[in-house]
């Protein structure tokens, strides 16, 4: 009865199955009652596993390359926007609506420092 759980098998189990498949190919008198367990049928499954692993490796490399490209694009945009914010502050001033439109605070909106109320602790 086939059982296809959603979790991956441990690598030791898969490696053991592959070693058993290689040993099965060396058994000349193997004649199973179930045709699904024939050497040819099991060899096709082994080939399918190898192909799936190669496809997974290719997809992982493609994903890593796409992540690297996305990261480079994010940093390029971020660096450019930092420069844009400096340029807008220089062109329009630190208290302009244009600066606020970029997500920065106006200089007049910043909280001014205030003195602390109460007495300072005395050293006894």
PDB file of N, CA and C in Angstrom:
ATOM      1  N   UNK A   1       0.848  -1.167   0.000  1.00  0.00           N
ATOM      2  CA  UNK A   1       0.000   0.000   0.000  1.00  0.00           C
ATOM      3  C   UNK A   1       0.898   1.236   0.000  1.00  0.00           C
ATOM      4  N   UNK A   2       0.778   2.112  -0.995  1.00  0.00           N
ATOM      5  CA  UNK A   2       1.647   3.295  -1.044  1.00  0.00           C
ATOM      6  C   UNK A   2       1.231   4.317   0.002  1.00  0.00           C
ATOM      7  N   UNK A   3       2.211   4.966   0.531  1.00  0.00           N
ATOM      8  CA  UNK A   3       1.990   6.010   1.524  1.00  0.00           C
ATOM      9  C   UNK A   3       2.909   7.161   1.159  1.00  0.00           C
ATOM     10  N   UNK A   4       2.346   8.304   0.836  1.00  0.00           N
ATOM     11  CA  UNK A   4       3.136   9.449   0.402  1.00  0.00           C
ATOM     12  C   UNK A   4       2.965  10.598   1.393  1.00  0.00           C
ATOM     13  N   UNK A   5       3.744  10.586   2.460  1.00  0.00           N
ATOM     14  CA  UNK A   5       3.622  11.677   3.427  1.00  0.00           C
ATOM     15  C   UNK A   5       4.200  12.972   2.858  1.00  0.00           C
ATOM     16  N   UNK A   6       3.909  14.055   3.525  1.00  0.00           N
ATOM     17  CA  UNK A   6       4.349  15.361   3.041  1.00  0.00           C
ATOM     18  C   UNK A   6       5.751  15.723   3.513  1.00  0.00           C
ATOM     19  N   UNK A   7       6.337  14.944   4.374  1.00  0.00           N
ATOM     20  CA  UNK A   7       7.693  15.255   4.843  1.00  0.00           C
ATOM     21  C   UNK A   7       8.710  14.478   4.019  1.00  0.00           C
ATOM     22  N   UNK A   8       9.926  14.995   3.976  1.00  0.00           N
ATOM     23  CA  UNK A   8      11.004  14.335   3.239  1.00  0.00           C
ATOM     24  C   UNK A   8      11.572  13.195   4.077  1.00  0.00           C
ATOM     25  N   UNK A   9      12.085  12.179   3.391  1.00  0.00           N
ATOM     26  CA  UNK A   9      12.773  11.088   4.073  1.00  0.00           C
ATOM     27  C   UNK A   9      14.172  11.542   4.473  1.00  0.00           C
ATOM     28  N   UNK A  10      14.682  10.948   5.539  1.00  0.00           N
ATOM     29  CA  UNK A  10      16.056  11.247   5.935  1.00  0.00           C
ATOM     30  C   UNK A  10      17.006  10.760   4.851  1.00  0.00           C
ATOM     31  N   UNK A  11      18.113  11.458   4.712  1.00  0.00           N
ATOM     32  CA  UNK A  11      19.081  11.137   3.672  1.00  0.00           C
ATOM     33  C   UNK A  11      19.646   9.730   3.860  1.00  0.00           C
ATOM     34  N   UNK A  12      19.794   9.290   5.101  1.00  0.00           N
ATOM     35  CA  UNK A  12      20.327   7.945   5.341  1.00  0.00           C
ATOM     36  C   UNK A  12      19.374   6.875   4.809  1.00  0.00           C
ATOM     37  N   UNK A  13      18.085   7.116   4.913  1.00  0.00           N
ATOM     38  CA  UNK A  13      17.101   6.152   4.406  1.00  0.00           C
ATOM     39  C   UNK A  13      17.154   6.109   2.882  1.00  0.00           C
ATOM     40  N   UNK A  14      17.205   7.272   2.257  1.00  0.00           N
ATOM     41  CA  UNK A  14      17.248   7.329   0.792  1.00  0.00           C
ATOM     42  C   UNK A  14      18.540   6.707   0.271  1.00  0.00           C
ATOM     43  N   UNK A  15      19.656   7.000   0.932  1.00  0.00           N
ATOM     44  CA  UNK A  15      20.927   6.399   0.517  1.00  0.00           C
ATOM     45  C   UNK A  15      20.897   4.883   0.673  1.00  0.00           C
ATOM     46  N   UNK A  16      20.257   4.401   1.727  1.00  0.00           N
ATOM     47  CA  UNK A  16      20.107   2.958   1.913  1.00  0.00           C
ATOM     48  C   UNK A  16      19.264   2.333   0.816  1.00  0.00           C
ATOM     49  N   UNK A  17      18.196   3.016   0.430  1.00  0.00           N
ATOM     50  CA  UNK A  17      17.350   2.519  -0.662  1.00  0.00           C
ATOM     51  C   UNK A  17      18.120   2.481  -1.981  1.00  0.00           C
ATOM     52  N   UNK A  18      18.939   3.492  -2.230  1.00  0.00           N
ATOM     53  CA  UNK A  18      19.726   3.520  -3.469  1.00  0.00           C
ATOM     54  C   UNK A  18      20.779   2.411  -3.473  1.00  0.00           C
ATOM     55  N   UNK A  19      21.375   2.145  -2.321  1.00  0.00           N
ATOM     56  CA  UNK A  19      22.351   1.055  -2.232  1.00  0.00           C
ATOM     57  C   UNK A  19      21.659  -0.293  -2.437  1.00  0.00           C
ATOM     58  N   UNK A  20      20.460  -0.440  -1.870  1.00  0.00           N
ATOM     59  CA  UNK A  20      19.710  -1.684  -2.054  1.00  0.00           C
ATOM     60  C   UNK A  20      19.297  -1.858  -3.517  1.00  0.00           C
ATOM     61  N   UNK A  21      18.971  -0.767  -4.193  1.00  0.00           N
ATOM     62  CA  UNK A  21      18.631  -0.838  -5.614  1.00  0.00           C
ATOM     63  C   UNK A  21      19.835  -1.291  -6.432  1.00  0.00           C
ATOM     64  N   UNK A  22      21.008  -0.782  -6.108  1.00  0.00           N
ATOM     65  CA  UNK A  22      22.224  -1.201  -6.819  1.00  0.00           C
ATOM     66  C   UNK A  22      22.490  -2.685  -6.582  1.00  0.00           C
ATOM     67  N   UNK A  23      22.251  -3.154  -5.355  1.00  0.00           N
ATOM     68  CA  UNK A  23      22.449  -4.577  -5.059  1.00  0.00           C
ATOM     69  C   UNK A  23      21.402  -5.431  -5.770  1.00  0.00           C
ATOM     70  N   UNK A  24      20.183  -4.909  -5.888  1.00  0.00           N
ATOM     71  CA  UNK A  24      19.116  -5.642  -6.571  1.00  0.00           C
ATOM     72  C   UNK A  24      19.469  -5.881  -8.038  1.00  0.00           C
ATOM     73  N   UNK A  25      20.134  -4.936  -8.657  1.00  0.00           N
ATOM     74  CA  UNK A  25      20.508  -5.081 -10.067  1.00  0.00           C
ATOM     75  C   UNK A  25      21.514  -6.219 -10.275  1.00  0.00           C
ATOM     76  N   UNK A  26      22.200  -6.631  -9.212  1.00  0.00           N
ATOM     77  CA  UNK A  26      23.184  -7.710  -9.304  1.00  0.00           C
ATOM     78  C   UNK A  26      22.586  -9.087  -9.006  1.00  0.00           C
ATOM     79  N   UNK A  27      21.287  -9.144  -8.710  1.00  0.00           N
ATOM     80  CA  UNK A  27      20.641 -10.429  -8.429  1.00  0.00           C
ATOM     81  C   UNK A  27      20.054 -10.998  -9.728  1.00  0.00           C
ATOM     82  N   UNK A  28      20.707 -12.000 -10.320  1.00  0.00           N
ATOM     83  CA  UNK A  28      20.238 -12.496 -11.627  1.00  0.00           C
ATOM     84  C   UNK A  28      18.949 -13.315 -11.540  1.00  0.00           C
ATOM     85  N   UNK A  29      18.670 -13.957 -10.423  1.00  0.00           N
ATOM     86  CA  UNK A  29      17.514 -14.849 -10.321  1.00  0.00           C
ATOM     87  C   UNK A  29      16.319 -14.202  -9.627  1.00  0.00           C
ATOM     88  N   UNK A  30      16.296 -12.897  -9.476  1.00  0.00           N
ATOM     89  CA  UNK A  30      15.199 -12.199  -8.782  1.00  0.00           C
ATOM     90  C   UNK A  30      13.957 -12.194  -9.663  1.00  0.00           C
ATOM     91  N   UNK A  31      12.870 -12.838  -9.179  1.00  0.00           N
ATOM     92  CA  UNK A  31      11.608 -12.877  -9.900  1.00  0.00           C
ATOM     93  C   UNK A  31      10.480 -12.590  -8.897  1.00  0.00           C
ATOM     94  N   UNK A  32      10.058 -11.329  -8.772  1.00  0.00           N
ATOM     95  CA  UNK A  32       9.024 -10.998  -7.783  1.00  0.00           C
ATOM     96  C   UNK A  32       7.627 -11.420  -8.257  1.00  0.00           C
ATOM     97  N   UNK A  33       6.717 -11.638  -7.301  1.00  0.00           N
ATOM     98  CA  UNK A  33       5.327 -11.956  -7.626  1.00  0.00           C
ATOM     99  C   UNK A  33       4.583 -10.688  -8.056  1.00  0.00           C
ATOM    100  N   UNK A  34       4.935  -9.571  -7.457  1.00  0.00           N
ATOM    101  CA  UNK A  34       4.299  -8.292  -7.777  1.00  0.00           C
ATOM    102  C   UNK A  34       5.100  -7.618  -8.893  1.00  0.00           C
ATOM    103  N   UNK A  35       4.480  -7.349 -10.037  1.00  0.00           N
ATOM    104  CA  UNK A  35       5.223  -6.729 -11.141  1.00  0.00           C
ATOM    105  C   UNK A  35       5.711  -5.313 -10.815  1.00  0.00           C
ATOM    106  N   UNK A  36       5.115  -4.661  -9.843  1.00  0.00           N
ATOM    107  CA  UNK A  36       5.574  -3.323  -9.446  1.00  0.00           C
ATOM    108  C   UNK A  36       6.931  -3.386  -8.756  1.00  0.00           C
ATOM    109  N   UNK A  37       7.325  -4.589  -8.307  1.00  0.00           N
ATOM    110  CA  UNK A  37       8.607  -4.762  -7.624  1.00  0.00           C
ATOM    111  C   UNK A  37       9.672  -5.367  -8.530  1.00  0.00           C
ATOM    112  N   UNK A  38       9.393  -5.439  -9.818  1.00  0.00           N
ATOM    113  CA  UNK A  38      10.372  -5.981 -10.767  1.00  0.00           C
ATOM    114  C   UNK A  38      11.564  -5.039 -10.865  1.00  0.00           C
ATOM    115  N   UNK A  39      12.715  -5.606 -11.246  1.00  0.00           N
ATOM    116  CA  UNK A  39      13.940  -4.797 -11.342  1.00  0.00           C
ATOM    117  C   UNK A  39      13.756  -3.607 -12.269  1.00  0.00           C
ATOM    118  N   UNK A  40      13.114  -3.826 -13.405  1.00  0.00           N
ATOM    119  CA  UNK A  40      12.946  -2.748 -14.375  1.00  0.00           C
ATOM    120  C   UNK A  40      12.062  -1.634 -13.813  1.00  0.00           C
ATOM    121  N   UNK A  41      10.985  -2.017 -13.117  1.00  0.00           N
ATOM    122  CA  UNK A  41      10.070  -1.021 -12.549  1.00  0.00           C
ATOM    123  C   UNK A  41      10.756  -0.214 -11.450  1.00  0.00           C
ATOM    124  N   UNK A  42      11.522  -0.906 -10.618  1.00  0.00           N
ATOM    125  CA  UNK A  42      12.214  -0.219  -9.527  1.00  0.00           C
ATOM    126  C   UNK A  42      13.348   0.644 -10.084  1.00  0.00           C
ATOM    127  N   UNK A  43      13.995   0.176 -11.154  1.00  0.00           N
ATOM    128  CA  UNK A  43      15.060   0.970 -11.782  1.00  0.00           C
ATOM    129  C   UNK A  43      14.494   2.267 -12.356  1.00  0.00           C
ATOM    130  N   UNK A  44      13.285   2.206 -12.910  1.00  0.00           N
ATOM    131  CA  UNK A  44      12.641   3.420 -13.420  1.00  0.00           C
ATOM    132  C   UNK A  44      12.395   4.404 -12.274  1.00  0.00           C
ATOM    133  N   UNK A  45      11.980   3.883 -11.115  1.00  0.00           N
ATOM    134  CA  UNK A  45      11.770   4.755  -9.950  1.00  0.00           C
ATOM    135  C   UNK A  45      13.084   5.364  -9.473  1.00  0.00           C
ATOM    136  N   UNK A  46      14.159   4.581  -9.522  1.00  0.00           N
ATOM    137  CA  UNK A  46      15.475   5.111  -9.145  1.00  0.00           C
ATOM    138  C   UNK A  46      15.929   6.211 -10.092  1.00  0.00           C
ATOM    139  N   UNK A  47      15.687   5.997 -11.397  1.00  0.00           N
ATOM    140  CA  UNK A  47      16.026   7.034 -12.380  1.00  0.00           C
ATOM    141  C   UNK A  47      15.183   8.289 -12.164  1.00  0.00           C
ATOM    142  N   UNK A  48      13.908   8.089 -11.814  1.00  0.00           N
ATOM    143  CA  UNK A  48      13.033   9.239 -11.550  1.00  0.00           C
ATOM    144  C   UNK A  48      13.523  10.025 -10.335  1.00  0.00           C
ATOM    145  N   UNK A  49      14.032   9.309  -9.324  1.00  0.00           N
ATOM    146  CA  UNK A  49      14.588   9.985  -8.147  1.00  0.00           C
ATOM    147  C   UNK A  49      15.802  10.814  -8.532  1.00  0.00           C
ATOM    148  N   UNK A  50      16.686  10.252  -9.327  1.00  0.00           N
ATOM    149  CA  UNK A  50      17.886  10.988  -9.750  1.00  0.00           C
ATOM    150  C   UNK A  50      17.509  12.227 -10.554  1.00  0.00           C
ATOM    151  N   UNK A  51      16.539  12.079 -11.447  1.00  0.00           N
ATOM    152  CA  UNK A  51      16.098  13.224 -12.252  1.00  0.00           C
ATOM    153  C   UNK A  51      15.465  14.294 -11.365  1.00  0.00           C
ATOM    154  N   UNK A  52      14.652  13.861 -10.391  1.00  0.00           N
ATOM    155  CA  UNK A  52      14.014  14.821  -9.482  1.00  0.00           C
ATOM    156  C   UNK A  52      15.054  15.551  -8.639  1.00  0.00           C
ATOM    157  N   UNK A  53      16.090  14.845  -8.209  1.00  0.00           N
ATOM    158  CA  UNK A  53      17.160  15.496  -7.434  1.00  0.00           C
ATOM    159  C   UNK A  53      17.909  16.512  -8.284  1.00  0.00           C
ATOM    160  N   UNK A  54      18.184  16.167  -9.535  1.00  0.00           N
ATOM    161  CA  UNK A  54      18.864  17.114 -10.426  1.00  0.00           C
ATOM    162  C   UNK A  54      17.992  18.343 -10.672  1.00  0.00           C
ATOM    163  N   UNK A  55      16.690  18.119 -10.867  1.00  0.00           N
ATOM    164  CA  UNK A  55      15.777  19.245 -11.070  1.00  0.00           C
ATOM    165  C   UNK A  55      15.724  20.136  -9.831  1.00  0.00           C
ATOM    166  N   UNK A  56      15.714  19.511  -8.652  1.00  0.00           N
ATOM    167  CA  UNK A  56      15.682  20.274  -7.401  1.00  0.00           C
ATOM    168  C   UNK A  56      16.958  21.096  -7.240  1.00  0.00           C
ATOM    169  N   UNK A  57      18.095  20.517  -7.576  1.00  0.00           N
ATOM    170  CA  UNK A  57      19.367  21.234  -7.480  1.00  0.00           C
ATOM    171  C   UNK A  57      19.394  22.411  -8.441  1.00  0.00           C
ATOM    172  N   UNK A  58      18.911  22.193  -9.670  1.00  0.00           N
ATOM    173  CA  UNK A  58      18.853  23.289 -10.652  1.00  0.00           C
ATOM    174  C   UNK A  58      17.931  24.399 -10.163  1.00  0.00           C
ATOM    175  N   UNK A  59      16.782  24.018  -9.622  1.00  0.00           N
ATOM    176  CA  UNK A  59      15.832  25.019  -9.124  1.00  0.00           C
ATOM    177  C   UNK A  59      16.412  25.790  -7.939  1.00  0.00           C
ATOM    178  N   UNK A  60      17.155  25.098  -7.070  1.00  0.00           N
ATOM    179  CA  UNK A  60      17.776  25.779  -5.926  1.00  0.00           C
ATOM    180  C   UNK A  60      18.820  26.781  -6.403  1.00  0.00           C
ATOM    181  N   UNK A  61      19.601  26.407  -7.418  1.00  0.00           N
ATOM    182  CA  UNK A  61      20.593  27.351  -7.967  1.00  0.00           C
ATOM    183  C   UNK A  61      19.899  28.541  -8.617  1.00  0.00           C
ATOM    184  N   UNK A  62      18.820  28.287  -9.340  1.00  0.00           N
ATOM    185  CA  UNK A  62      18.075  29.374  -9.975  1.00  0.00           C
ATOM    186  C   UNK A  62      17.475  30.299  -8.926  1.00  0.00           C
ATOM    187  N   UNK A  63      16.934  29.713  -7.862  1.00  0.00           N
ATOM    188  CA  UNK A  63      16.368  30.521  -6.779  1.00  0.00           C
ATOM    189  C   UNK A  63      17.445  31.355  -6.099  1.00  0.00           C
ATOM    190  N   UNK A  64      18.611  30.774  -5.862  1.00  0.00           N
ATOM    191  CA  UNK A  64      19.704  31.525  -5.237  1.00  0.00           C
ATOM    192  C   UNK A  64      20.148  32.678  -6.128  1.00  0.00           C
ATOM    193  N   UNK A  65      20.215  32.445  -7.428  1.00  0.00           N
ATOM    194  CA  UNK A  65      20.594  33.520  -8.354  1.00  0.00           C
ATOM    195  C   UNK A  65      19.536  34.617  -8.371  1.00  0.00           C
ATOM    196  N   UNK A  66      18.263  34.231  -8.335  1.00  0.00           N
ATOM    197  CA  UNK A  66      17.188  35.225  -8.313  1.00  0.00           C
ATOM    198  C   UNK A  66      17.221  36.028  -7.017  1.00  0.00           C
ATOM    199  N   UNK A  67      17.509  35.362  -5.895  1.00  0.00           N
ATOM    200  CA  UNK A  67      17.628  36.082  -4.618  1.00  0.00           C
ATOM    201  C   UNK A  67      18.773  37.081  -4.666  1.00  0.00           C
ATOM    202  N   UNK A  68      19.906  36.664  -5.222  1.00  0.00           N
ATOM    203  CA  UNK A  68      21.053  37.568  -5.326  1.00  0.00           C
ATOM    204  C   UNK A  68      20.722  38.772  -6.198  1.00  0.00           C
ATOM    205  N   UNK A  69      20.035  38.542  -7.310  1.00  0.00           N
ATOM    206  CA  UNK A  69      19.660  39.648  -8.194  1.00  0.00           C
ATOM    207  C   UNK A  69      18.683  40.590  -7.501  1.00  0.00           C
ATOM    208  N   UNK A  70      17.727  40.025  -6.766  1.00  0.00           N
ATOM    209  CA  UNK A  70      16.770  40.849  -6.034  1.00  0.00           C
ATOM    210  C   UNK A  70      17.468  41.665  -4.962  1.00  0.00           C
ATOM    211  N   UNK A  71      18.391  41.043  -4.244  1.00  0.00           N
ATOM    212  CA  UNK A  71      19.127  41.751  -3.197  1.00  0.00           C
ATOM    213  C   UNK A  71      19.945  42.890  -3.788  1.00  0.00           C
ATOM    214  N   UNK A  72      20.596  42.658  -4.905  1.00  0.00           N
ATOM    215  CA  UNK A  72      21.382  43.713  -5.548  1.00  0.00           C
ATOM    216  C   UNK A  72      20.479  44.855  -6.003  1.00  0.00           C
ATOM    217  N   UNK A  73      19.305  44.524  -6.541  1.00  0.00           N
ATOM    218  CA  UNK A  73      18.370  45.562  -6.978  1.00  0.00           C
ATOM    219  C   UNK A  73      17.833  46.352  -5.790  1.00  0.00           C
ATOM    220  N   UNK A  74      17.556  45.660  -4.673  1.00  0.00           N
ATOM    221  CA  UNK A  74      17.086  46.355  -3.471  1.00  0.00           C
ATOM    222  C   UNK A  74      18.122  47.352  -2.976  1.00  0.00           C
ATOM    223  N   UNK A  75      19.379  46.916  -2.915  1.00  0.00           N
ATOM    224  CA  UNK A  75      20.439  47.805  -2.435  1.00  0.00           C
ATOM    225  C   UNK A  75      20.679  48.961  -3.390  1.00  0.00           C
ATOM    226  N   UNK A  76      20.594  48.708  -4.684  1.00  0.00           N
ATOM    227  CA  UNK A  76      20.785  49.785  -5.656  1.00  0.00           C
ATOM    228  C   UNK A  76      19.701  50.846  -5.494  1.00  0.00           C
ATOM    229  N   UNK A  77      18.446  50.409  -5.346  1.00  0.00           N
ATOM    230  CA  UNK A  77      17.351  51.353  -5.142  1.00  0.00           C
ATOM    231  C   UNK A  77      17.512  52.094  -3.824  1.00  0.00           C
ATOM    232  N   UNK A  78      17.876  51.377  -2.764  1.00  0.00           N
ATOM    233  CA  UNK A  78      18.034  52.002  -1.445  1.00  0.00           C
ATOM    234  C   UNK A  78      19.130  53.065  -1.475  1.00  0.00           C
ATOM    235  N   UNK A  79      20.265  52.734  -2.076  1.00  0.00           N
ATOM    236  CA  UNK A  79      21.355  53.711  -2.169  1.00  0.00           C
ATOM    237  C   UNK A  79      20.922  54.933  -2.972  1.00  0.00           C
ATOM    238  N   UNK A  80      20.193  54.712  -4.058  1.00  0.00           N
ATOM    239  CA  UNK A  80      19.722  55.831  -4.871  1.00  0.00           C
ATOM    240  C   UNK A  80      18.739  56.699  -4.089  1.00  0.00           C
ATOM    241  N   UNK A  81      17.848  56.069  -3.329  1.00  0.00           N
ATOM    242  CA  UNK A  81      16.865  56.838  -2.562  1.00  0.00           C
ATOM    243  C   UNK A  81      17.519  57.629  -1.436  1.00  0.00           C
ATOM    244  N   UNK A  82      18.577  57.101  -0.844  1.00  0.00           N
ATOM    245  CA  UNK A  82      19.302  57.883   0.158  1.00  0.00           C
ATOM    246  C   UNK A  82      19.873  59.144  -0.478  1.00  0.00           C
ATOM    247  N   UNK A  83      20.420  59.010  -1.666  1.00  0.00           N
ATOM    248  CA  UNK A  83      20.932  60.171  -2.385  1.00  0.00           C
ATOM    249  C   UNK A  83      19.829  61.141  -2.762  1.00  0.00           C
ATOM    250  N   UNK A  84      18.669  60.607  -3.176  1.00  0.00           N
ATOM    251  CA  UNK A  84      17.532  61.455  -3.534  1.00  0.00           C
ATOM    252  C   UNK A  84      17.087  62.274  -2.330  1.00  0.00           C
ATOM    253  N   UNK A  85      17.033  61.661  -1.162  1.00  0.00           N
ATOM    254  CA  UNK A  85      16.598  62.379   0.044  1.00  0.00           C
ATOM    255  C   UNK A  85      17.556  63.509   0.383  1.00  0.00           C
ATOM    256  N   UNK A  86      18.841  63.269   0.218  1.00  0.00           N
ATOM    257  CA  UNK A  86      19.828  64.325   0.461  1.00  0.00           C
ATOM    258  C   UNK A  86      19.640  65.449  -0.551  1.00  0.00           C
ATOM    259  N   UNK A  87      19.413  65.094  -1.822  1.00  0.00           N
ATOM    260  CA  UNK A  87      19.215  66.101  -2.867  1.00  0.00           C
ATOM    261  C   UNK A  87      17.958  66.928  -2.622  1.00  0.00           C
ATOM    262  N   UNK A  88      16.867  66.270  -2.211  1.00  0.00           N
ATOM    263  CA  UNK A  88      15.621  66.996  -1.941  1.00  0.00           C
ATOM    264  C   UNK A  88      15.811  67.938  -0.760  1.00  0.00           C
ATOM    265  N   UNK A  89      16.502  67.488   0.281  1.00  0.00           N
ATOM    266  CA  UNK A  89      16.759  68.361   1.431  1.00  0.00           C
ATOM    267  C   UNK A  89      17.608  69.557   1.014  1.00  0.00           C
ATOM    268  N   UNK A  90      18.570  69.348   0.139  1.00  0.00           N
ATOM    269  CA  UNK A  90      19.424  70.455  -0.307  1.00  0.00           C
ATOM    270  C   UNK A  90      18.658  71.411  -1.216  1.00  0.00           C
ATOM    271  N   UNK A  91      17.789  70.870  -2.059  1.00  0.00           N
ATOM    272  CA  UNK A  91      17.085  71.713  -3.025  1.00  0.00           C
ATOM    273  C   UNK A  91      15.903  72.447  -2.403  1.00  0.00           C
ATOM    274  N   UNK A  92      15.117  71.761  -1.583  1.00  0.00           N
ATOM    275  CA  UNK A  92      13.890  72.353  -1.060  1.00  0.00           C
ATOM    276  C   UNK A  92      14.008  72.809   0.389  1.00  0.00           C
ATOM    277  N   UNK A  93      14.997  72.347   1.111  1.00  0.00           N
ATOM    278  CA  UNK A  93      15.179  72.733   2.505  1.00  0.00           C
ATOM    279  C   UNK A  93      14.710  71.652   3.458  1.00  0.00           C
ATOM    280  N   UNK A  94      15.189  71.754   4.702  1.00  0.00           N
ATOM    281  CA  UNK A  94      14.876  70.737   5.713  1.00  0.00           C
ATOM    282  C   UNK A  94      13.478  70.874   6.288  1.00  0.00           C
ATOM    283  N   UNK A  95      12.762  71.950   5.945  1.00  0.00           N
ATOM    284  CA  UNK A  95      11.437  72.176   6.503  1.00  0.00           C
ATOM    285  C   UNK A  95      10.385  72.191   5.392  1.00  0.00           C
ATOM    286  N   UNK A  96      10.618  71.480   4.304  1.00  0.00           N
ATOM    287  CA  UNK A  96       9.720  71.556   3.149  1.00  0.00           C
ATOM    288  C   UNK A  96       8.715  70.411   3.128  1.00  0.00           C
ATOM    289  N   UNK A  97       7.619  70.662   2.427  1.00  0.00           N
ATOM    290  CA  UNK A  97       6.603  69.624   2.239  1.00  0.00           C
ATOM    291  C   UNK A  97       7.121  68.516   1.326  1.00  0.00           C
ATOM    292  N   UNK A  98       8.022  68.859   0.403  1.00  0.00           N
ATOM    293  CA  UNK A  98       8.594  67.863  -0.498  1.00  0.00           C
ATOM    294  C   UNK A  98       9.418  66.835   0.279  1.00  0.00           C
ATOM    295  N   UNK A  99      10.123  67.299   1.289  1.00  0.00           N
ATOM    296  CA  UNK A  99      10.904  66.393   2.140  1.00  0.00           C
ATOM    297  C   UNK A  99       9.970  65.470   2.919  1.00  0.00           C
ATOM    298  N   UNK A 100       8.865  66.044   3.385  1.00  0.00           N
ATOM    299  CA  UNK A 100       7.885  65.246   4.124  1.00  0.00           C
ATOM    300  C   UNK A 100       7.211  64.225   3.203  1.00  0.00           C
ATOM    301  N   UNK A 101       7.042  64.566   1.927  1.00  0.00           N
ATOM    302  CA  UNK A 101       6.422  63.639   0.974  1.00  0.00           C
ATOM    303  C   UNK A 101       7.282  62.396   0.770  1.00  0.00           C
ATOM    304  N   UNK A 102       8.590  62.513   0.989  1.00  0.00           N
ATOM    305  CA  UNK A 102       9.484  61.359   0.855  1.00  0.00           C
ATOM    306  C   UNK A 102       9.522  60.496   2.113  1.00  0.00           C
ATOM    307  N   UNK A 103       8.780  60.891   3.137  1.00  0.00           N
ATOM    308  CA  UNK A 103       8.732  60.096   4.356  1.00  0.00           C
ATOM    309  C   UNK A 103       9.663  60.581   5.450  1.00  0.00           C
ATOM    310  N   UNK A 104      10.277  61.739   5.268  1.00  0.00           N
ATOM    311  CA  UNK A 104      11.158  62.297   6.293  1.00  0.00           C
ATOM    312  C   UNK A 104      10.403  63.347   7.097  1.00  0.00           C
ATOM    313  N   UNK A 105      10.860  63.579   8.322  1.00  0.00           N
ATOM    314  CA  UNK A 105      10.238  64.600   9.159  1.00  0.00           C
ATOM    315  C   UNK A 105      10.778  65.970   8.800  1.00  0.00           C
ATOM    316  N   UNK A 106       9.899  66.944   8.904  1.00  0.00           N
ATOM    317  CA  UNK A 106      10.350  68.323   8.763  1.00  0.00           C
ATOM    318  C   UNK A 106      11.170  68.685   9.994  1.00  0.00           C
ATOM    319  N   UNK A 107      12.066  69.620   9.820  1.00  0.00           N
ATOM    320  CA  UNK A 107      12.887  70.051  10.945  1.00  0.00           C
ATOM    321  C   UNK A 107      12.014  70.671  12.035  1.00  0.00           C
ATOM    322  N   UNK A 108      10.959  71.379  11.638  1.00  0.00           N
ATOM    323  CA  UNK A 108      10.087  72.025  12.624  1.00  0.00           C
ATOM    324  C   UNK A 108       9.215  71.015  13.365  1.00  0.00           C
ATOM    325  N   UNK A 109       9.049  69.815  12.831  1.00  0.00           N
ATOM    326  CA  UNK A 109       8.225  68.791  13.487  1.00  0.00           C
ATOM    327  C   UNK A 109       9.004  67.969  14.503  1.00  0.00           C
ATOM    328  N   UNK A 110      10.283  68.145  14.551  1.00  0.00           N
ATOM    329  CA  UNK A 110      11.090  67.381  15.501  1.00  0.00           C
ATOM    330  C   UNK A 110      10.882  67.919  16.906  1.00  0.00           C
ATOM    331  N   UNK A 111      10.873  67.025  17.868  1.00  0.00           N
ATOM    332  CA  UNK A 111      10.682  67.419  19.257  1.00  0.00           C
ATOM    333  C   UNK A 111      11.944  68.105  19.761  1.00  0.00           C
ATOM    334  N   UNK A 112      11.739  69.229  20.388  1.00  0.00           N
ATOM    335  CA  UNK A 112      12.858  69.981  20.933  1.00  0.00           C
ATOM    336  C   UNK A 112      13.267  69.366  22.269  1.00  0.00           C
ATOM    337  N   UNK A 113      14.554  69.346  22.578  1.00  0.00           N
ATOM    338  CA  UNK A 113      14.968  68.811  23.876  1.00  0.00           C
ATOM    339  C   UNK A 113      14.484  69.726  24.997  1.00  0.00           C
ATOM    340  N   UNK A 114      14.122  69.133  26.088  1.00  0.00           N
ATOM    341  CA  UNK A 114      13.660  69.923  27.234  1.00  0.00           C
ATOM    342  C   UNK A 114      14.454  69.514  28.462  1.00  0.00           C
ATOM    343  N   UNK A 115      14.459  70.423  29.423  1.00  0.00           N
ATOM    344  CA  UNK A 115      15.161  70.136  30.668  1.00  0.00           C
ATOM    345  C   UNK A 115      14.359  69.146  31.485  1.00  0.00           C
ATOM    346  N   UNK A 116      15.086  68.391  32.238  1.00  0.00           N
ATOM    347  CA  UNK A 116      14.407  67.448  33.126  1.00  0.00           C
ATOM    348  C   UNK A 116      13.880  68.199  34.333  1.00  0.00           C
ATOM    349  N   UNK A 117      12.707  67.832  34.747  1.00  0.00           N
ATOM    350  CA  UNK A 117      12.155  68.467  35.942  1.00  0.00           C
ATOM    351  C   UNK A 117      12.632  67.714  37.171  1.00  0.00           C
ATOM    352  N   UNK A 118      12.686  68.394  38.283  1.00  0.00           N
ATOM    353  CA  UNK A 118      13.140  67.762  39.516  1.00  0.00           C
ATOM    354  C   UNK A 118      14.586  68.075  39.787  1.00  0.00           C
ATOM    355  N   UNK A 119      15.026  67.702  40.958  1.00  0.00           N
ATOM    356  CA  UNK A 119      16.406  68.002  41.339  1.00  0.00           C
ATOM    357  C   UNK A 119      17.313  66.844  40.970  1.00  0.00           C
ATOM    358  N   UNK A 120      18.551  67.191  40.752  1.00  0.00           N
ATOM    359  CA  UNK A 120      19.546  66.166  40.448  1.00  0.00           C
ATOM    360  C   UNK A 120      19.869  65.413  41.720  1.00  0.00           C
ATOM    361  N   UNK A 121      20.163  64.140  41.637  1.00  0.00           N
ATOM    362  CA  UNK A 121      20.494  63.390  42.862  1.00  0.00           C
ATOM    363  C   UNK A 121      21.793  63.912  43.465  1.00  0.00           C
ATOM    364  N   UNK A 122      21.768  64.063  44.762  1.00  0.00           N
ATOM    365  CA  UNK A 122      22.962  64.573  45.458  1.00  0.00           C
ATOM    366  C   UNK A 122      23.796  63.411  45.968  1.00  0.00           C
ATOM    367  N   UNK A 123      25.100  63.638  45.969  1.00  0.00           N
ATOM    368  CA  UNK A 123      26.011  62.602  46.460  1.00  0.00           C
ATOM    369  C   UNK A 123      26.145  62.735  47.964  1.00  0.00           C
ATOM    370  N   UNK A 124      25.839  61.721  48.703  1.00  0.00           N
ATOM    371  CA  UNK A 124      25.954  61.758  50.172  1.00  0.00           C
ATOM    372  C   UNK A 124      27.193  61.093  50.643  1.00  0.00           C
TER     373      UNK A 124
END
